[in-house]
Every structure is written in C-alpha cells, then in structure tokens.
N, C-alpha and C. Protein backbone atom coordinates (compact mmCIF):
# COMPACT_ATOMS: atom_id res chain seq x y z
N UNK A 1 0.82 -1.37 0.12
CA UNK A 1 -0.07 0.15 0.03
C UNK A 1 1.01 1.12 -0.04
N UNK A 2 0.60 2.36 -0.78
CA UNK A 2 1.50 3.01 -0.64
C UNK A 2 1.10 4.32 -0.19
N UNK A 3 1.86 5.08 0.90
CA UNK A 3 1.81 5.99 2.03
C UNK A 3 2.31 7.27 1.17
N UNK A 4 1.83 8.18 1.45
CA UNK A 4 2.78 9.62 1.27
C UNK A 4 3.50 10.12 2.62
N UNK A 5 4.51 10.79 2.50
CA UNK A 5 5.45 11.23 3.67
C UNK A 5 4.44 11.48 4.91
N UNK A 6 2.89 12.57 4.66
CA UNK A 6 2.60 13.07 6.43
C UNK A 6 1.79 12.07 6.74
N UNK A 7 1.05 10.43 5.44
CA UNK A 7 0.04 9.28 6.18
C UNK A 7 1.15 8.84 7.13
N UNK A 8 2.08 8.57 6.51
CA UNK A 8 3.32 7.69 7.42
C UNK A 8 3.50 8.71 8.95
N UNK A 9 3.82 9.24 8.63
CA UNK A 9 4.29 10.39 9.88
C UNK A 9 3.44 9.80 11.44
N UNK A 10 1.71 10.58 10.62
CA UNK A 10 0.62 10.06 11.25
C UNK A 10 0.35 8.70 11.46
N UNK A 11 0.61 7.76 10.65
CA UNK A 11 0.19 6.38 11.43
C UNK A 11 1.58 5.99 11.96
N UNK A 12 2.85 6.47 12.49
CA UNK A 12 3.34 5.67 12.99
C UNK A 12 3.28 6.59 14.26
N UNK A 13 2.95 7.81 14.56
CA UNK A 13 2.37 8.04 16.10
C UNK A 13 0.92 7.29 16.59
N UNK A 14 0.42 6.76 15.57
CA UNK A 14 -0.85 6.41 16.13
C UNK A 14 -0.67 4.81 16.55
N UNK A 15 -0.23 3.97 15.54
CA UNK A 15 0.70 2.68 15.87
C UNK A 15 1.25 2.38 16.97
N UNK A 16 1.99 3.43 17.38
CA UNK A 16 2.82 3.82 18.76
C UNK A 16 2.06 3.25 20.18
N UNK A 17 1.07 4.36 19.59
CA UNK A 17 -0.13 4.31 20.79
C UNK A 17 -0.57 3.16 20.93
N UNK A 18 -1.43 2.57 19.56
CA UNK A 18 -1.48 0.90 19.52
C UNK A 18 -0.86 0.24 20.31
N UNK A 19 0.04 0.44 19.98
CA UNK A 19 0.67 -0.94 20.62
C UNK A 19 0.48 -0.98 22.07
N UNK A 20 0.31 0.22 22.96
CA UNK A 20 0.43 -0.24 24.17
C UNK A 20 -1.33 -0.45 25.04
N UNK A 21 -2.22 0.03 23.86
CA UNK A 21 -3.63 -0.29 23.85
C UNK A 21 -4.58 0.15 23.24
N UNK A 22 -5.07 -0.50 22.34
CA UNK A 22 -5.52 -1.01 21.30
C UNK A 22 -6.93 -0.51 21.54
N UNK A 23 -7.51 -0.09 22.83
CA UNK A 23 -9.37 0.09 22.90
C UNK A 23 -9.13 1.59 23.26
N UNK A 24 -7.79 2.34 23.76
CA UNK A 24 -7.96 3.72 24.26
C UNK A 24 -7.20 4.73 24.20
N UNK A 25 -6.55 4.69 22.38
CA UNK A 25 -5.49 4.63 21.95
C UNK A 25 -5.59 6.12 20.46
N UNK A 26 -6.88 6.89 21.11
CA UNK A 26 -7.87 7.70 19.99
C UNK A 26 -6.91 9.11 20.25
N UNK A 27 -6.67 9.96 19.51
CA UNK A 27 -5.81 11.08 19.14
C UNK A 27 -6.36 11.90 18.75
N UNK A 28 -6.86 13.03 19.54
CA UNK A 28 -7.49 14.14 18.45
C UNK A 28 -5.87 15.03 17.68
N UNK A 29 -6.31 15.89 16.98
CA UNK A 29 -5.35 16.66 15.87
C UNK A 29 -3.97 17.26 16.87
N UNK A 30 -4.46 18.01 17.77
CA UNK A 30 -3.59 18.86 18.58
C UNK A 30 -2.29 18.05 18.58
N UNK A 31 -2.41 16.88 19.57
CA UNK A 31 -1.22 16.14 19.99
C UNK A 31 -0.29 15.03 18.59
N UNK A 32 -1.31 15.25 17.35
CA UNK A 32 -0.67 14.61 15.96
C UNK A 32 -0.19 15.44 15.62
N UNK A 33 -0.44 16.58 15.61
CA UNK A 33 0.39 18.12 14.95
C UNK A 33 1.50 18.31 16.19
N UNK A 34 1.52 17.75 17.08
CA UNK A 34 3.23 18.28 18.00
C UNK A 34 4.33 17.19 17.94
N UNK A 35 3.69 15.86 17.48
CA UNK A 35 4.48 14.85 17.48
C UNK A 35 5.03 14.63 15.65
N UNK A 36 4.70 15.21 15.13
CA UNK A 36 4.90 14.92 13.90
C UNK A 36 5.59 16.46 13.12
N UNK A 37 5.33 17.41 13.64
CA UNK A 37 5.26 18.90 13.13
C UNK A 37 4.46 19.31 12.19
N UNK A 38 3.27 18.50 12.02
CA UNK A 38 2.61 19.42 10.58
C UNK A 38 1.54 20.25 11.22
N UNK A 39 0.84 21.17 10.34
CA UNK A 39 -0.05 21.46 10.74
C UNK A 39 -1.06 20.60 10.82
N UNK A 40 -2.29 21.24 10.85
CA UNK A 40 -3.51 21.02 11.09
C UNK A 40 -4.79 20.32 9.89
N UNK A 41 -4.36 21.21 8.89
CA UNK A 41 -4.99 20.75 7.81
C UNK A 41 -4.55 19.17 7.33
N UNK A 42 -2.92 19.40 7.14
CA UNK A 42 -1.95 17.80 6.64
C UNK A 42 -2.72 17.05 7.57
N UNK A 43 -2.45 16.90 9.02
CA UNK A 43 -2.73 16.06 9.56
C UNK A 43 -4.20 15.76 9.74
N UNK A 44 -5.21 16.50 9.35
CA UNK A 44 -6.27 16.24 9.39
C UNK A 44 -6.65 15.49 7.53
N UNK A 45 -5.80 16.35 6.59
CA UNK A 45 -5.86 14.74 5.63
C UNK A 45 -5.27 13.49 5.28
N UNK A 46 -4.15 13.47 6.50
CA UNK A 46 -3.57 12.04 6.05
C UNK A 46 -4.61 11.15 7.09
N UNK A 47 -4.95 11.86 8.21
CA UNK A 47 -5.94 10.89 9.08
C UNK A 47 -7.44 10.22 8.34
N UNK A 48 -7.98 10.91 7.38
CA UNK A 48 -8.57 10.82 6.80
C UNK A 48 -8.36 9.93 5.26
N UNK A 49 -7.20 10.24 4.80
CA UNK A 49 -7.11 9.14 3.66
C UNK A 49 -7.09 7.84 4.20
N UNK A 50 -6.00 8.17 5.73
CA UNK A 50 -5.48 6.92 5.89
C UNK A 50 -6.81 5.95 6.33
N UNK A 51 -8.23 6.57 7.37
CA UNK A 51 -9.41 6.07 7.35
C UNK A 51 -9.58 5.43 6.43
N UNK A 52 -10.16 6.09 5.47
CA UNK A 52 -9.96 4.90 3.70
C UNK A 52 -9.52 4.35 3.55
N UNK A 53 -8.30 3.96 4.28
CA UNK A 53 -7.58 2.96 3.41
C UNK A 53 -7.52 1.89 4.90
N UNK A 54 -8.68 2.40 5.71
CA UNK A 54 -8.36 1.13 6.63
C UNK A 54 -7.32 1.03 7.77
N UNK A 55 -6.98 2.10 7.69
CA UNK A 55 -5.44 1.61 8.72
C UNK A 55 -5.52 2.65 9.50
N UNK A 56 -6.77 3.76 9.83
CA UNK A 56 -7.01 4.11 11.06
C UNK A 56 -8.57 3.82 11.32
N UNK A 57 -9.27 4.30 12.41
CA UNK A 57 -10.61 4.31 12.69
C UNK A 57 -10.67 5.74 13.26
N UNK A 58 -11.49 6.32 13.64
CA UNK A 58 -12.40 7.35 13.77
C UNK A 58 -13.57 7.03 14.89
N UNK A 59 -13.57 8.00 16.08
CA UNK A 59 -14.04 7.83 17.28
C UNK A 59 -14.54 9.08 17.52
N UNK A 60 -15.91 9.12 17.79
CA UNK A 60 -16.50 10.01 18.67
C UNK A 60 -16.85 10.56 19.73
N UNK A 61 -16.98 11.70 20.62
CA UNK A 61 -17.38 11.64 21.91
C UNK A 61 -16.57 10.84 22.96
N UNK A 62 -15.49 11.24 22.61
CA UNK A 62 -14.30 10.75 23.36
C UNK A 62 -13.85 10.96 25.26
N UNK A 63 -13.87 10.27 25.93
CA UNK A 63 -13.84 10.71 27.32
C UNK A 63 -12.10 11.05 27.72
N UNK A 64 -11.81 12.46 28.63
CA UNK A 64 -10.63 12.44 28.69
C UNK A 64 -10.28 11.42 30.04
N UNK A 65 -8.83 11.39 30.86
CA UNK A 65 -9.11 10.67 31.99
C UNK A 65 -9.50 11.53 32.79
N UNK A 66 -9.42 12.71 32.61
CA UNK A 66 -10.80 14.04 33.93
C UNK A 66 -11.84 13.28 33.94
N UNK A 67 -12.31 12.18 33.37
CA UNK A 67 -13.78 12.28 33.22
C UNK A 67 -14.71 13.11 32.19
N UNK A 68 -13.88 14.03 31.61
CA UNK A 68 -14.71 15.08 30.64
C UNK A 68 -14.54 14.97 29.60
N UNK A 69 -15.80 14.81 28.31
CA UNK A 69 -15.91 14.99 27.03
C UNK A 69 -14.56 15.75 26.49
N UNK A 70 -13.88 15.05 25.92
CA UNK A 70 -13.13 16.00 25.11
C UNK A 70 -13.07 15.41 23.55
N UNK A 71 -13.57 15.53 23.24
CA UNK A 71 -14.20 15.24 21.51
C UNK A 71 -14.39 14.17 20.89
N UNK A 72 -13.07 14.17 19.71
CA UNK A 72 -12.85 13.00 18.50
C UNK A 72 -11.75 13.11 18.40
N UNK A 73 -11.45 11.73 18.07
CA UNK A 73 -9.64 11.04 17.11
C UNK A 73 -9.68 10.24 16.62
N UNK A 74 -8.39 9.86 16.61
CA UNK A 74 -8.28 8.96 15.31
C UNK A 74 -7.29 7.93 15.60
N UNK A 75 -7.33 6.57 15.74
CA UNK A 75 -6.45 5.75 15.95
C UNK A 75 -6.35 4.58 14.95
N UNK A 76 -4.78 3.84 15.35
CA UNK A 76 -4.82 2.83 14.32
C UNK A 76 -5.51 1.75 14.32
N UNK A 77 -5.81 1.14 13.50
CA UNK A 77 -6.21 0.36 13.50
C UNK A 77 -5.35 -1.17 13.63
N UNK A 78 -5.57 -2.02 13.94
CA UNK A 78 -4.59 -3.29 13.71
C UNK A 78 -3.43 -3.33 12.19
N UNK A 79 -4.31 -3.72 10.60
CA UNK A 79 -3.64 -3.22 9.75
C UNK A 79 -2.27 -2.15 10.04
N UNK A 80 -3.28 -1.02 10.59
CA UNK A 80 -2.45 -0.33 10.44
C UNK A 80 -0.43 -0.50 11.33
N UNK A 81 -1.42 -0.59 12.14
CA UNK A 81 -0.24 -0.62 13.36
C UNK A 81 0.77 -2.19 12.87
N UNK A 82 0.49 -2.99 12.18
CA UNK A 82 0.96 -4.26 11.21
C UNK A 82 1.44 -3.49 10.31
N UNK A 83 0.88 -2.52 9.63
CA UNK A 83 1.70 -2.23 8.42
C UNK A 83 3.39 -1.63 8.99
N UNK A 84 2.77 -0.56 10.24
CA UNK A 84 4.23 -0.08 10.65
C UNK A 84 5.06 -0.73 11.10
N UNK A 85 5.04 -1.95 11.61
CA UNK A 85 5.73 -3.04 11.83
C UNK A 85 6.57 -3.42 11.25
N UNK A 86 5.80 -3.98 9.61
CA UNK A 86 6.53 -4.18 8.46
C UNK A 86 7.53 -3.40 7.96
N UNK A 87 7.63 -2.12 8.07
CA UNK A 87 8.31 -1.07 7.74
C UNK A 87 9.73 -1.05 8.44
N UNK A 88 10.52 -0.63 7.31
CA UNK A 88 12.55 -1.13 7.95
C UNK A 88 12.43 -0.12 8.82
C-alpha cells in the first residue's frame, strides 16, 4: 500500500499508541500535530486518507482521563499497526 510522507508520519504516531492499548489509543489532532510537526489541515487530510485505506479508525465522544468529554480522534487499526511494524 502506498503512503505519502504525511500519512506515514501520522500512522507511526498512532501505531505507537496502538501497541500499548488498542482500545484507548485515540488521538485528537493537536497531539498529532505536535508529534509530527505537521499543521492541522495536513494532519486532518492524512487521518482521513488513512481511514479510507482501513489503517485508522475515527471515534467521536471520547472522554479524557479527568472524566470530561474531550471530543473526537483517530486510532490505528490492527492493519495500520501491522503495516508500521513491517516497515524498515
């Protein structure tokens, strides 16, 4: 599967979180922006493209550890995490 540099950067961050907890590894755009150095529009495009490819999933209504509603985010799928593991 062909990924551009931005998609790969975002997927690597999400796959790292997937490795420690696949059910609670959703990330909103801000942390992805910080960890990849990409702007919001670029992260958003990458996340949506990865979702269409089946490598990420989207979830709304996420809750923060403080118990407050924290919005929505993306997480790697098993296929996305496996793809990152196969990379050199």
